[in-house]
Amino acid sequence: MRRGAGFALRRDATSTETAVTGPDGSDGWDRVTLPWSGPVALRLVLEHGPDVVVEAPPALRADVVAALRAALEPTARPDEEPA
């Protein structure tokens, strides 16, 4: 989690490791362990956008990736025919 972000997630964290190297290569990130997973965790992680990266559990990471990919998919409007 990017340092200075995710206060709601940090509040519930069971542990926090500071100054870890993040996906951008900087040490401006913290590793936070959360006590829950599933749909609630997915929703909360997605609310924080690029300030949160899920490392584990693999199922939650896969759900986050799937949700982000789905958000990028073009959708047909009800009054349009599919291409």
N, C-alpha and C. Protein backbone atom coordinates (compact mmCIF):
# COMPACT_ATOMS: atom_id res chain seq x y z
N MET A 1 0.85 -1.16 0.00
CA MET A 1 0.00 0.00 0.00
C MET A 1 0.91 1.23 0.00
N ARG A 2 0.56 2.17 -0.85
CA ARG A 2 1.36 3.39 -0.93
C ARG A 2 1.31 4.11 0.43
N ARG A 3 2.47 4.55 0.88
CA ARG A 3 2.55 5.27 2.16
C ARG A 3 1.65 6.50 2.10
N GLY A 4 0.88 6.71 3.15
CA GLY A 4 -0.02 7.86 3.23
C GLY A 4 -1.39 7.60 2.64
N ALA A 5 -1.64 6.38 2.20
CA ALA A 5 -2.94 6.04 1.61
C ALA A 5 -3.57 4.88 2.39
N GLY A 6 -4.82 4.64 2.12
CA GLY A 6 -5.50 3.46 2.65
C GLY A 6 -5.75 3.47 4.14
N PHE A 7 -6.15 4.60 4.68
CA PHE A 7 -6.33 4.69 6.13
C PHE A 7 -7.37 3.70 6.66
N ALA A 8 -8.44 3.47 5.90
CA ALA A 8 -9.46 2.52 6.34
C ALA A 8 -8.89 1.11 6.41
N LEU A 9 -8.05 0.75 5.45
CA LEU A 9 -7.42 -0.57 5.46
C LEU A 9 -6.40 -0.68 6.58
N ARG A 10 -5.63 0.36 6.78
CA ARG A 10 -4.61 0.35 7.84
C ARG A 10 -5.22 0.18 9.23
N ARG A 11 -6.37 0.78 9.41
CA ARG A 11 -7.03 0.72 10.72
C ARG A 11 -7.31 -0.72 11.13
N ASP A 12 -7.66 -1.57 10.16
CA ASP A 12 -8.00 -2.96 10.46
C ASP A 12 -6.82 -3.92 10.30
N ALA A 13 -5.67 -3.42 9.92
CA ALA A 13 -4.52 -4.28 9.66
C ALA A 13 -4.08 -5.03 10.91
N THR A 14 -3.67 -6.28 10.72
CA THR A 14 -3.15 -7.07 11.84
C THR A 14 -1.64 -6.90 11.95
N SER A 15 -0.99 -6.41 10.87
CA SER A 15 0.43 -6.07 10.92
C SER A 15 0.76 -5.11 9.79
N THR A 16 1.82 -4.34 9.99
CA THR A 16 2.27 -3.40 8.98
C THR A 16 3.79 -3.42 8.93
N GLU A 17 4.32 -3.55 7.74
CA GLU A 17 5.77 -3.48 7.51
C GLU A 17 6.01 -2.24 6.66
N THR A 18 6.80 -1.31 7.14
CA THR A 18 6.98 -0.04 6.45
C THR A 18 8.20 -0.07 5.53
N ALA A 19 8.20 0.88 4.59
CA ALA A 19 9.30 1.11 3.67
C ALA A 19 9.69 -0.13 2.87
N VAL A 20 8.70 -0.83 2.33
CA VAL A 20 8.98 -1.95 1.44
C VAL A 20 9.01 -1.45 0.00
N THR A 21 9.72 -2.15 -0.84
CA THR A 21 9.79 -1.77 -2.24
C THR A 21 8.47 -2.10 -2.91
N GLY A 22 7.90 -1.12 -3.55
CA GLY A 22 6.61 -1.30 -4.22
C GLY A 22 6.76 -1.63 -5.68
N PRO A 23 5.65 -1.72 -6.39
CA PRO A 23 5.68 -2.10 -7.80
C PRO A 23 6.37 -1.06 -8.69
N ASP A 24 6.50 0.15 -8.19
CA ASP A 24 7.19 1.20 -8.96
C ASP A 24 8.69 1.25 -8.65
N GLY A 25 9.16 0.34 -7.80
CA GLY A 25 10.58 0.28 -7.47
C GLY A 25 11.01 1.19 -6.34
N SER A 26 10.10 2.01 -5.82
CA SER A 26 10.45 2.91 -4.72
C SER A 26 10.14 2.23 -3.39
N ASP A 27 10.69 2.78 -2.31
CA ASP A 27 10.39 2.24 -0.98
C ASP A 27 9.30 3.05 -0.29
N GLY A 28 8.47 3.71 -1.05
CA GLY A 28 7.38 4.51 -0.50
C GLY A 28 6.11 3.70 -0.29
N TRP A 29 6.27 2.45 0.03
CA TRP A 29 5.13 1.54 0.20
C TRP A 29 5.22 0.84 1.55
N ASP A 30 4.09 0.39 2.04
CA ASP A 30 4.02 -0.40 3.26
C ASP A 30 3.30 -1.70 2.94
N ARG A 31 3.70 -2.78 3.58
CA ARG A 31 3.01 -4.07 3.44
C ARG A 31 2.07 -4.21 4.63
N VAL A 32 0.80 -4.41 4.33
CA VAL A 32 -0.23 -4.47 5.36
C VAL A 32 -0.91 -5.83 5.28
N THR A 33 -1.07 -6.48 6.41
CA THR A 33 -1.79 -7.75 6.48
C THR A 33 -3.18 -7.48 7.03
N LEU A 34 -4.18 -7.94 6.29
CA LEU A 34 -5.56 -7.68 6.68
C LEU A 34 -6.21 -8.96 7.19
N PRO A 35 -7.19 -8.83 8.08
CA PRO A 35 -7.79 -10.00 8.71
C PRO A 35 -8.91 -10.65 7.89
N TRP A 36 -9.21 -10.13 6.70
CA TRP A 36 -10.32 -10.67 5.94
C TRP A 36 -9.97 -10.76 4.46
N SER A 37 -10.81 -11.49 3.73
CA SER A 37 -10.67 -11.59 2.28
C SER A 37 -12.08 -11.71 1.70
N GLY A 38 -12.21 -12.17 0.48
CA GLY A 38 -13.52 -12.33 -0.13
C GLY A 38 -14.06 -11.03 -0.69
N PRO A 39 -15.37 -10.96 -0.90
CA PRO A 39 -15.99 -9.80 -1.55
C PRO A 39 -15.75 -8.48 -0.81
N VAL A 40 -15.73 -8.53 0.50
CA VAL A 40 -15.50 -7.28 1.26
C VAL A 40 -14.09 -6.77 0.99
N ALA A 41 -13.11 -7.65 1.05
CA ALA A 41 -11.73 -7.24 0.78
C ALA A 41 -11.59 -6.73 -0.65
N LEU A 42 -12.22 -7.42 -1.58
CA LEU A 42 -12.16 -7.00 -2.99
C LEU A 42 -12.69 -5.59 -3.14
N ARG A 43 -13.84 -5.32 -2.58
CA ARG A 43 -14.45 -3.98 -2.70
C ARG A 43 -13.55 -2.91 -2.08
N LEU A 44 -13.03 -3.18 -0.90
CA LEU A 44 -12.19 -2.19 -0.22
C LEU A 44 -10.89 -1.94 -0.97
N VAL A 45 -10.29 -2.99 -1.50
CA VAL A 45 -9.05 -2.83 -2.27
C VAL A 45 -9.32 -2.00 -3.52
N LEU A 46 -10.39 -2.33 -4.25
CA LEU A 46 -10.69 -1.60 -5.48
C LEU A 46 -10.98 -0.13 -5.21
N GLU A 47 -11.56 0.18 -4.07
CA GLU A 47 -11.85 1.58 -3.73
C GLU A 47 -10.58 2.42 -3.63
N HIS A 48 -9.45 1.79 -3.36
CA HIS A 48 -8.20 2.53 -3.18
C HIS A 48 -7.38 2.66 -4.45
N GLY A 49 -7.86 2.09 -5.54
CA GLY A 49 -7.22 2.25 -6.84
C GLY A 49 -5.75 1.90 -6.85
N PRO A 50 -4.93 2.75 -7.48
CA PRO A 50 -3.51 2.42 -7.66
C PRO A 50 -2.67 2.54 -6.40
N ASP A 51 -3.29 2.91 -5.29
CA ASP A 51 -2.54 3.02 -4.03
C ASP A 51 -2.40 1.69 -3.30
N VAL A 52 -3.07 0.65 -3.81
CA VAL A 52 -3.04 -0.66 -3.16
C VAL A 52 -2.71 -1.72 -4.20
N VAL A 53 -1.80 -2.61 -3.85
CA VAL A 53 -1.44 -3.76 -4.69
C VAL A 53 -1.60 -5.00 -3.83
N VAL A 54 -2.34 -5.99 -4.33
CA VAL A 54 -2.55 -7.22 -3.58
C VAL A 54 -1.45 -8.22 -3.95
N GLU A 55 -0.73 -8.68 -2.95
CA GLU A 55 0.29 -9.72 -3.15
C GLU A 55 -0.28 -11.11 -2.86
N ALA A 56 -1.13 -11.21 -1.87
CA ALA A 56 -1.71 -12.50 -1.46
C ALA A 56 -2.97 -12.20 -0.67
N PRO A 57 -3.88 -13.12 -0.57
CA PRO A 57 -3.86 -14.48 -1.11
C PRO A 57 -4.08 -14.46 -2.62
N PRO A 58 -3.63 -15.52 -3.31
CA PRO A 58 -3.75 -15.56 -4.77
C PRO A 58 -5.17 -15.38 -5.28
N ALA A 59 -6.15 -15.90 -4.57
CA ALA A 59 -7.55 -15.78 -5.03
C ALA A 59 -7.99 -14.31 -5.03
N LEU A 60 -7.62 -13.56 -4.01
CA LEU A 60 -7.99 -12.14 -3.96
C LEU A 60 -7.26 -11.38 -5.05
N ARG A 61 -5.99 -11.67 -5.24
CA ARG A 61 -5.23 -11.02 -6.32
C ARG A 61 -5.89 -11.29 -7.67
N ALA A 62 -6.28 -12.53 -7.92
CA ALA A 62 -6.93 -12.88 -9.19
C ALA A 62 -8.26 -12.14 -9.33
N ASP A 63 -9.02 -12.02 -8.24
CA ASP A 63 -10.29 -11.30 -8.29
C ASP A 63 -10.09 -9.82 -8.60
N VAL A 64 -9.05 -9.22 -8.02
CA VAL A 64 -8.75 -7.81 -8.28
C VAL A 64 -8.38 -7.63 -9.75
N VAL A 65 -7.50 -8.47 -10.25
CA VAL A 65 -7.08 -8.38 -11.66
C VAL A 65 -8.30 -8.55 -12.58
N ALA A 66 -9.15 -9.52 -12.29
CA ALA A 66 -10.34 -9.76 -13.12
C ALA A 66 -11.27 -8.55 -13.09
N ALA A 67 -11.47 -7.96 -11.92
CA ALA A 67 -12.35 -6.79 -11.81
C ALA A 67 -11.80 -5.60 -12.58
N LEU A 68 -10.49 -5.40 -12.50
CA LEU A 68 -9.87 -4.28 -13.23
C LEU A 68 -9.93 -4.50 -14.74
N ARG A 69 -9.69 -5.73 -15.16
CA ARG A 69 -9.80 -6.03 -16.60
C ARG A 69 -11.23 -5.84 -17.09
N ALA A 70 -12.19 -6.27 -16.31
CA ALA A 70 -13.60 -6.11 -16.69
C ALA A 70 -13.97 -4.64 -16.81
N ALA A 71 -13.40 -3.81 -15.95
CA ALA A 71 -13.69 -2.38 -16.00
C ALA A 71 -13.15 -1.74 -17.28
N LEU A 72 -12.15 -2.35 -17.87
CA LEU A 72 -11.57 -1.81 -19.10
C LEU A 72 -12.27 -2.29 -20.36
N GLU A 73 -13.11 -3.31 -20.24
CA GLU A 73 -13.81 -3.86 -21.39
C GLU A 73 -14.87 -2.88 -21.89
N PRO A 74 -14.91 -2.70 -23.19
CA PRO A 74 -15.99 -1.84 -23.73
C PRO A 74 -17.33 -2.56 -23.55
N THR A 75 -18.33 -1.79 -23.26
CA THR A 75 -19.66 -2.37 -23.10
C THR A 75 -20.61 -1.71 -24.08
N ALA A 76 -21.51 -2.48 -24.61
CA ALA A 76 -22.51 -1.94 -25.53
C ALA A 76 -23.60 -1.25 -24.72
N ARG A 77 -24.06 -0.12 -25.23
CA ARG A 77 -25.19 0.54 -24.59
C ARG A 77 -26.46 -0.18 -24.99
N PRO A 78 -27.49 -0.13 -24.17
CA PRO A 78 -28.73 -0.88 -24.46
C PRO A 78 -29.31 -0.58 -25.83
N ASP A 79 -29.12 0.64 -26.35
CA ASP A 79 -29.69 1.01 -27.64
C ASP A 79 -28.76 0.71 -28.82
N GLU A 80 -27.62 0.06 -28.56
CA GLU A 80 -26.66 -0.28 -29.61
C GLU A 80 -26.66 -1.78 -29.84
N GLU A 81 -26.39 -2.15 -31.07
CA GLU A 81 -26.23 -3.57 -31.38
C GLU A 81 -24.77 -3.93 -31.19
N PRO A 82 -24.49 -5.16 -30.73
CA PRO A 82 -23.09 -5.56 -30.57
C PRO A 82 -22.36 -5.55 -31.89
N ALA A 83 -21.07 -5.28 -31.86
CA ALA A 83 -20.28 -5.22 -33.10
C ALA A 83 -19.98 -6.60 -33.61
